[in-house]
Amino acid sequence: MFSEKLLEVMKHPGVVAIATQGEDGPHLVNTWNSYLQLPREGCLLVPAGYMHRTEANIARDNRVLLTIGSHEVAGNMGPGTGFLIKGTAGFATSGPDFDIIKRKYAWARGALVVTVESATQTL
């Protein structure tokens, strides 16, 4: 599911954009590549400090899109690469996924748990 190239991108500095669908249209929130945790195949965990609107949107429609990239990892057309990740998500405020996040990020109020359906290299 997660290619070696995507795993390499996650190890480098960069920004992750998370898109959800709200009642009034798309909503985006950002986090850092380094915050992503991979507890098991096909699952991404993201610490949630705020993300209140993201949480509300996911309660209505759990589909999410994430983009992640790094200019430090070679891509298909030269320096830099990026990925589009499609999946579904939920919020965990207790349980094993939350515990993984809380141990590493004491400030997190929850874990955004993304079940990945596809991860496509875009650059």
N, C-alpha and C. Protein backbone atom coordinates (compact mmCIF):
# COMPACT_ATOMS: atom_id res chain seq x y z
N MET A 1 0.84 -1.20 0.00
CA MET A 1 0.00 0.00 0.00
C MET A 1 0.87 1.26 0.00
N PHE A 2 1.82 1.35 0.93
CA PHE A 2 2.69 2.53 0.99
C PHE A 2 3.99 2.21 0.27
N SER A 3 4.24 2.89 -0.84
CA SER A 3 5.46 2.65 -1.60
C SER A 3 6.67 3.15 -0.82
N GLU A 4 7.83 2.65 -1.21
CA GLU A 4 9.08 3.11 -0.58
C GLU A 4 9.25 4.61 -0.76
N LYS A 5 8.84 5.13 -1.91
CA LYS A 5 8.96 6.56 -2.20
C LYS A 5 8.07 7.37 -1.25
N LEU A 6 6.85 6.92 -1.01
CA LEU A 6 5.96 7.62 -0.08
C LEU A 6 6.52 7.58 1.33
N LEU A 7 7.03 6.44 1.75
CA LEU A 7 7.63 6.34 3.08
C LEU A 7 8.82 7.27 3.21
N GLU A 8 9.59 7.41 2.13
CA GLU A 8 10.73 8.33 2.14
C GLU A 8 10.26 9.78 2.29
N VAL A 9 9.20 10.15 1.58
CA VAL A 9 8.65 11.50 1.68
C VAL A 9 8.24 11.81 3.12
N MET A 10 7.65 10.84 3.79
CA MET A 10 7.20 11.05 5.18
C MET A 10 8.34 11.32 6.13
N LYS A 11 9.55 10.95 5.75
CA LYS A 11 10.72 11.16 6.61
C LYS A 11 11.35 12.54 6.42
N HIS A 12 10.90 13.29 5.41
CA HIS A 12 11.48 14.59 5.10
C HIS A 12 10.52 15.71 5.49
N PRO A 13 11.07 16.91 5.73
CA PRO A 13 10.21 18.05 6.06
C PRO A 13 9.23 18.33 4.94
N GLY A 14 8.03 18.67 5.32
CA GLY A 14 7.00 19.02 4.35
C GLY A 14 5.66 19.18 5.02
N VAL A 15 4.72 19.61 4.22
CA VAL A 15 3.37 19.89 4.71
C VAL A 15 2.40 18.87 4.13
N VAL A 16 1.45 18.45 4.95
CA VAL A 16 0.36 17.58 4.54
C VAL A 16 -0.91 18.41 4.53
N ALA A 17 -1.66 18.36 3.44
CA ALA A 17 -2.97 19.01 3.37
C ALA A 17 -4.04 17.94 3.48
N ILE A 18 -5.02 18.19 4.32
CA ILE A 18 -6.12 17.24 4.55
C ILE A 18 -7.41 17.93 4.13
N ALA A 19 -8.10 17.32 3.16
CA ALA A 19 -9.34 17.91 2.63
C ALA A 19 -10.54 17.08 3.06
N THR A 20 -11.56 17.78 3.56
CA THR A 20 -12.84 17.16 3.90
C THR A 20 -13.94 17.97 3.22
N GLN A 21 -15.13 17.40 3.19
CA GLN A 21 -16.26 18.08 2.57
C GLN A 21 -17.21 18.57 3.66
N GLY A 22 -17.41 19.88 3.74
CA GLY A 22 -18.33 20.45 4.70
C GLY A 22 -19.66 20.80 4.07
N GLU A 23 -20.59 21.26 4.88
CA GLU A 23 -21.90 21.69 4.37
C GLU A 23 -21.77 22.84 3.38
N ASP A 24 -20.76 23.69 3.59
CA ASP A 24 -20.58 24.86 2.74
C ASP A 24 -19.45 24.68 1.72
N GLY A 25 -18.99 23.46 1.50
CA GLY A 25 -17.96 23.19 0.52
C GLY A 25 -16.73 22.55 1.12
N PRO A 26 -15.67 22.44 0.32
CA PRO A 26 -14.44 21.80 0.79
C PRO A 26 -13.79 22.59 1.93
N HIS A 27 -13.09 21.85 2.80
CA HIS A 27 -12.36 22.44 3.91
C HIS A 27 -10.97 21.81 3.93
N LEU A 28 -9.95 22.64 4.10
CA LEU A 28 -8.56 22.15 4.17
C LEU A 28 -7.95 22.50 5.50
N VAL A 29 -7.12 21.58 5.99
CA VAL A 29 -6.32 21.82 7.18
C VAL A 29 -4.94 21.22 6.90
N ASN A 30 -3.92 21.78 7.52
CA ASN A 30 -2.54 21.31 7.29
C ASN A 30 -1.95 20.70 8.54
N THR A 31 -0.98 19.84 8.31
CA THR A 31 -0.14 19.29 9.38
C THR A 31 1.23 19.04 8.77
N TRP A 32 2.13 18.47 9.52
CA TRP A 32 3.50 18.22 9.07
C TRP A 32 3.70 16.75 8.71
N ASN A 33 4.53 16.52 7.69
CA ASN A 33 4.89 15.15 7.30
C ASN A 33 5.34 14.33 8.50
N SER A 34 6.16 14.93 9.34
CA SER A 34 6.75 14.21 10.46
C SER A 34 5.73 13.77 11.50
N TYR A 35 4.53 14.34 11.47
CA TYR A 35 3.50 13.96 12.45
C TYR A 35 2.79 12.65 12.08
N LEU A 36 2.88 12.25 10.83
CA LEU A 36 2.15 11.05 10.39
C LEU A 36 2.73 9.79 11.04
N GLN A 37 1.85 8.94 11.50
CA GLN A 37 2.23 7.66 12.10
C GLN A 37 1.59 6.53 11.30
N LEU A 38 2.31 5.43 11.14
CA LEU A 38 1.83 4.28 10.38
C LEU A 38 1.75 3.07 11.31
N PRO A 39 0.65 2.89 12.01
CA PRO A 39 0.57 1.80 12.99
C PRO A 39 0.39 0.42 12.37
N ARG A 40 -0.15 0.38 11.14
CA ARG A 40 -0.40 -0.89 10.47
C ARG A 40 -0.63 -0.60 8.99
N GLU A 41 -0.58 -1.64 8.18
CA GLU A 41 -0.75 -1.49 6.74
C GLU A 41 -2.09 -0.81 6.42
N GLY A 42 -2.03 0.20 5.58
CA GLY A 42 -3.24 0.87 5.12
C GLY A 42 -3.84 1.86 6.09
N CYS A 43 -3.11 2.22 7.15
CA CYS A 43 -3.64 3.14 8.16
C CYS A 43 -2.64 4.25 8.43
N LEU A 44 -3.13 5.48 8.43
CA LEU A 44 -2.35 6.66 8.82
C LEU A 44 -3.00 7.28 10.05
N LEU A 45 -2.18 7.68 10.99
CA LEU A 45 -2.66 8.42 12.16
C LEU A 45 -2.08 9.82 12.12
N VAL A 46 -2.93 10.80 12.43
CA VAL A 46 -2.52 12.20 12.46
C VAL A 46 -2.96 12.78 13.80
N PRO A 47 -2.04 13.41 14.55
CA PRO A 47 -2.46 14.05 15.79
C PRO A 47 -3.38 15.23 15.51
N ALA A 48 -4.43 15.34 16.28
CA ALA A 48 -5.39 16.44 16.12
C ALA A 48 -5.36 17.30 17.38
N GLY A 49 -4.88 18.52 17.21
CA GLY A 49 -4.91 19.48 18.31
C GLY A 49 -6.21 20.25 18.27
N TYR A 50 -6.48 20.85 17.14
CA TYR A 50 -7.75 21.54 16.93
C TYR A 50 -8.57 20.70 15.97
N MET A 51 -8.56 21.00 14.71
CA MET A 51 -9.27 20.22 13.68
C MET A 51 -10.75 19.99 14.02
N HIS A 52 -11.37 20.94 14.70
CA HIS A 52 -12.79 20.78 15.08
C HIS A 52 -13.71 20.74 13.85
N ARG A 53 -13.43 21.61 12.88
CA ARG A 53 -14.25 21.61 11.67
C ARG A 53 -14.02 20.32 10.87
N THR A 54 -12.78 19.88 10.81
CA THR A 54 -12.46 18.62 10.13
C THR A 54 -13.22 17.47 10.79
N GLU A 55 -13.23 17.44 12.10
CA GLU A 55 -13.95 16.39 12.83
C GLU A 55 -15.45 16.42 12.52
N ALA A 56 -16.02 17.62 12.51
CA ALA A 56 -17.46 17.75 12.21
C ALA A 56 -17.75 17.31 10.77
N ASN A 57 -16.89 17.69 9.84
CA ASN A 57 -17.09 17.28 8.45
C ASN A 57 -17.03 15.76 8.29
N ILE A 58 -16.09 15.13 8.97
CA ILE A 58 -15.93 13.68 8.88
C ILE A 58 -17.13 12.96 9.49
N ALA A 59 -17.75 13.56 10.50
CA ALA A 59 -18.96 12.96 11.08
C ALA A 59 -20.10 12.92 10.06
N ARG A 60 -20.11 13.88 9.12
CA ARG A 60 -21.13 13.93 8.07
C ARG A 60 -20.76 13.07 6.86
N ASP A 61 -19.46 13.13 6.49
CA ASP A 61 -18.96 12.46 5.28
C ASP A 61 -17.52 12.07 5.56
N ASN A 62 -17.27 10.78 5.72
CA ASN A 62 -15.95 10.36 6.20
C ASN A 62 -14.88 10.25 5.11
N ARG A 63 -15.19 10.66 3.89
CA ARG A 63 -14.19 10.63 2.82
C ARG A 63 -13.18 11.77 3.02
N VAL A 64 -11.89 11.44 2.81
CA VAL A 64 -10.83 12.44 2.94
C VAL A 64 -9.85 12.30 1.78
N LEU A 65 -9.21 13.42 1.48
CA LEU A 65 -8.08 13.46 0.56
C LEU A 65 -6.92 14.09 1.29
N LEU A 66 -5.74 13.54 1.11
CA LEU A 66 -4.53 14.13 1.69
C LEU A 66 -3.51 14.27 0.58
N THR A 67 -2.76 15.36 0.62
CA THR A 67 -1.59 15.49 -0.25
C THR A 67 -0.38 15.62 0.65
N ILE A 68 0.71 15.01 0.20
CA ILE A 68 1.96 15.05 0.94
C ILE A 68 3.09 15.12 -0.07
N GLY A 69 4.10 15.90 0.24
CA GLY A 69 5.21 16.02 -0.69
C GLY A 69 6.47 16.48 0.00
N SER A 70 7.55 16.40 -0.75
CA SER A 70 8.84 16.89 -0.28
C SER A 70 9.69 17.26 -1.49
N HIS A 71 10.32 18.40 -1.44
CA HIS A 71 11.23 18.79 -2.52
C HIS A 71 12.57 18.07 -2.38
N GLU A 72 12.78 17.36 -1.29
CA GLU A 72 14.04 16.67 -1.03
C GLU A 72 14.07 15.24 -1.57
N VAL A 73 12.95 14.75 -2.08
CA VAL A 73 12.88 13.38 -2.60
C VAL A 73 12.65 13.46 -4.10
N ALA A 74 13.49 12.76 -4.88
CA ALA A 74 13.38 12.79 -6.34
C ALA A 74 12.02 12.27 -6.79
N GLY A 75 11.46 12.95 -7.78
CA GLY A 75 10.17 12.56 -8.32
C GLY A 75 10.27 12.03 -9.73
N ASN A 76 9.15 11.94 -10.41
CA ASN A 76 9.10 11.43 -11.78
C ASN A 76 9.69 12.41 -12.79
N MET A 77 9.69 13.71 -12.45
CA MET A 77 10.13 14.72 -13.41
C MET A 77 11.28 15.57 -12.87
N GLY A 78 12.00 15.07 -11.88
CA GLY A 78 13.11 15.83 -11.33
C GLY A 78 13.02 15.92 -9.82
N PRO A 79 13.61 16.98 -9.26
CA PRO A 79 13.60 17.12 -7.81
C PRO A 79 12.19 17.34 -7.27
N GLY A 80 11.89 16.70 -6.19
CA GLY A 80 10.61 16.87 -5.53
C GLY A 80 9.58 15.87 -6.02
N THR A 81 8.78 15.41 -5.07
CA THR A 81 7.69 14.50 -5.41
C THR A 81 6.53 14.71 -4.47
N GLY A 82 5.37 14.22 -4.86
CA GLY A 82 4.18 14.34 -4.04
C GLY A 82 3.24 13.19 -4.28
N PHE A 83 2.31 13.02 -3.35
CA PHE A 83 1.33 11.94 -3.41
C PHE A 83 -0.06 12.46 -3.09
N LEU A 84 -1.05 11.85 -3.71
CA LEU A 84 -2.45 12.06 -3.37
C LEU A 84 -2.93 10.79 -2.68
N ILE A 85 -3.42 10.93 -1.47
CA ILE A 85 -3.92 9.81 -0.69
C ILE A 85 -5.43 9.96 -0.56
N LYS A 86 -6.15 8.91 -0.93
CA LYS A 86 -7.61 8.89 -0.81
C LYS A 86 -7.99 7.86 0.23
N GLY A 87 -9.00 8.18 1.04
CA GLY A 87 -9.45 7.23 2.03
C GLY A 87 -10.66 7.71 2.80
N THR A 88 -10.89 7.03 3.90
CA THR A 88 -11.95 7.40 4.83
C THR A 88 -11.31 7.64 6.19
N ALA A 89 -12.00 8.41 7.03
CA ALA A 89 -11.38 8.78 8.30
C ALA A 89 -12.40 8.83 9.42
N GLY A 90 -11.88 8.75 10.63
CA GLY A 90 -12.64 8.92 11.84
C GLY A 90 -11.73 9.53 12.90
N PHE A 91 -12.31 9.95 14.01
CA PHE A 91 -11.53 10.49 15.12
C PHE A 91 -11.55 9.52 16.28
N ALA A 92 -10.39 9.30 16.87
CA ALA A 92 -10.28 8.44 18.06
C ALA A 92 -9.83 9.31 19.23
N THR A 93 -10.54 9.23 20.33
CA THR A 93 -10.16 9.95 21.56
C THR A 93 -9.85 8.98 22.68
N SER A 94 -9.85 7.70 22.34
CA SER A 94 -9.44 6.66 23.28
C SER A 94 -9.08 5.43 22.44
N GLY A 95 -8.46 4.46 23.08
CA GLY A 95 -8.11 3.24 22.39
C GLY A 95 -6.68 3.25 21.87
N PRO A 96 -6.27 2.16 21.21
CA PRO A 96 -4.87 1.99 20.81
C PRO A 96 -4.36 3.05 19.83
N ASP A 97 -5.17 3.46 18.86
CA ASP A 97 -4.72 4.49 17.91
C ASP A 97 -4.50 5.82 18.62
N PHE A 98 -5.40 6.18 19.49
CA PHE A 98 -5.24 7.41 20.27
C PHE A 98 -4.00 7.31 21.16
N ASP A 99 -3.78 6.17 21.78
CA ASP A 99 -2.63 6.00 22.67
C ASP A 99 -1.31 6.21 21.92
N ILE A 100 -1.22 5.71 20.68
CA ILE A 100 -0.01 5.91 19.87
C ILE A 100 0.26 7.40 19.69
N ILE A 101 -0.77 8.14 19.36
CA ILE A 101 -0.63 9.57 19.13
C ILE A 101 -0.33 10.31 20.44
N LYS A 102 -1.06 10.01 21.47
CA LYS A 102 -0.92 10.75 22.75
C LYS A 102 0.47 10.56 23.36
N ARG A 103 1.04 9.35 23.20
CA ARG A 103 2.39 9.11 23.72
C ARG A 103 3.41 10.02 23.06
N LYS A 104 3.24 10.26 21.79
CA LYS A 104 4.23 11.06 21.05
C LYS A 104 3.90 12.55 21.05
N TYR A 105 2.63 12.88 21.09
CA TYR A 105 2.17 14.28 21.02
C TYR A 105 1.22 14.56 22.18
N ALA A 106 1.77 14.98 23.30
CA ALA A 106 0.99 15.19 24.51
C ALA A 106 -0.13 16.22 24.30
N TRP A 107 0.06 17.14 23.36
CA TRP A 107 -0.91 18.20 23.11
C TRP A 107 -2.13 17.72 22.32
N ALA A 108 -2.08 16.53 21.75
CA ALA A 108 -3.17 16.06 20.89
C ALA A 108 -4.42 15.75 21.71
N ARG A 109 -5.56 16.21 21.22
CA ARG A 109 -6.84 15.90 21.86
C ARG A 109 -7.46 14.66 21.25
N GLY A 110 -6.92 14.23 20.11
CA GLY A 110 -7.43 13.05 19.44
C GLY A 110 -6.51 12.62 18.33
N ALA A 111 -6.89 11.53 17.69
CA ALA A 111 -6.15 11.02 16.53
C ALA A 111 -7.10 10.96 15.35
N LEU A 112 -6.67 11.55 14.25
CA LEU A 112 -7.37 11.37 12.99
C LEU A 112 -6.88 10.04 12.43
N VAL A 113 -7.79 9.10 12.28
CA VAL A 113 -7.45 7.75 11.82
C VAL A 113 -7.92 7.62 10.37
N VAL A 114 -6.96 7.51 9.45
CA VAL A 114 -7.26 7.45 8.03
C VAL A 114 -7.05 6.02 7.53
N THR A 115 -8.09 5.44 6.97
CA THR A 115 -7.99 4.17 6.28
C THR A 115 -7.73 4.48 4.82
N VAL A 116 -6.54 4.13 4.35
CA VAL A 116 -6.11 4.51 3.01
C VAL A 116 -6.67 3.54 1.97
N GLU A 117 -7.30 4.12 0.96
CA GLU A 117 -7.80 3.33 -0.18
C GLU A 117 -6.82 3.34 -1.33
N SER A 118 -6.13 4.49 -1.53
CA SER A 118 -5.12 4.57 -2.59
C SER A 118 -4.13 5.66 -2.24
N ALA A 119 -2.91 5.48 -2.75
CA ALA A 119 -1.84 6.47 -2.60
C ALA A 119 -1.15 6.55 -3.96
N THR A 120 -1.35 7.66 -4.67
CA THR A 120 -0.88 7.82 -6.03
C THR A 120 0.19 8.90 -6.10
N GLN A 121 1.33 8.57 -6.69
CA GLN A 121 2.37 9.57 -6.87
C GLN A 121 1.92 10.55 -7.95
N THR A 122 2.01 11.85 -7.65
CA THR A 122 1.52 12.87 -8.57
C THR A 122 2.63 13.69 -9.21
N LEU A 123 3.82 13.63 -8.69
CA LEU A 123 4.96 14.37 -9.25
C LEU A 123 6.13 13.43 -9.45
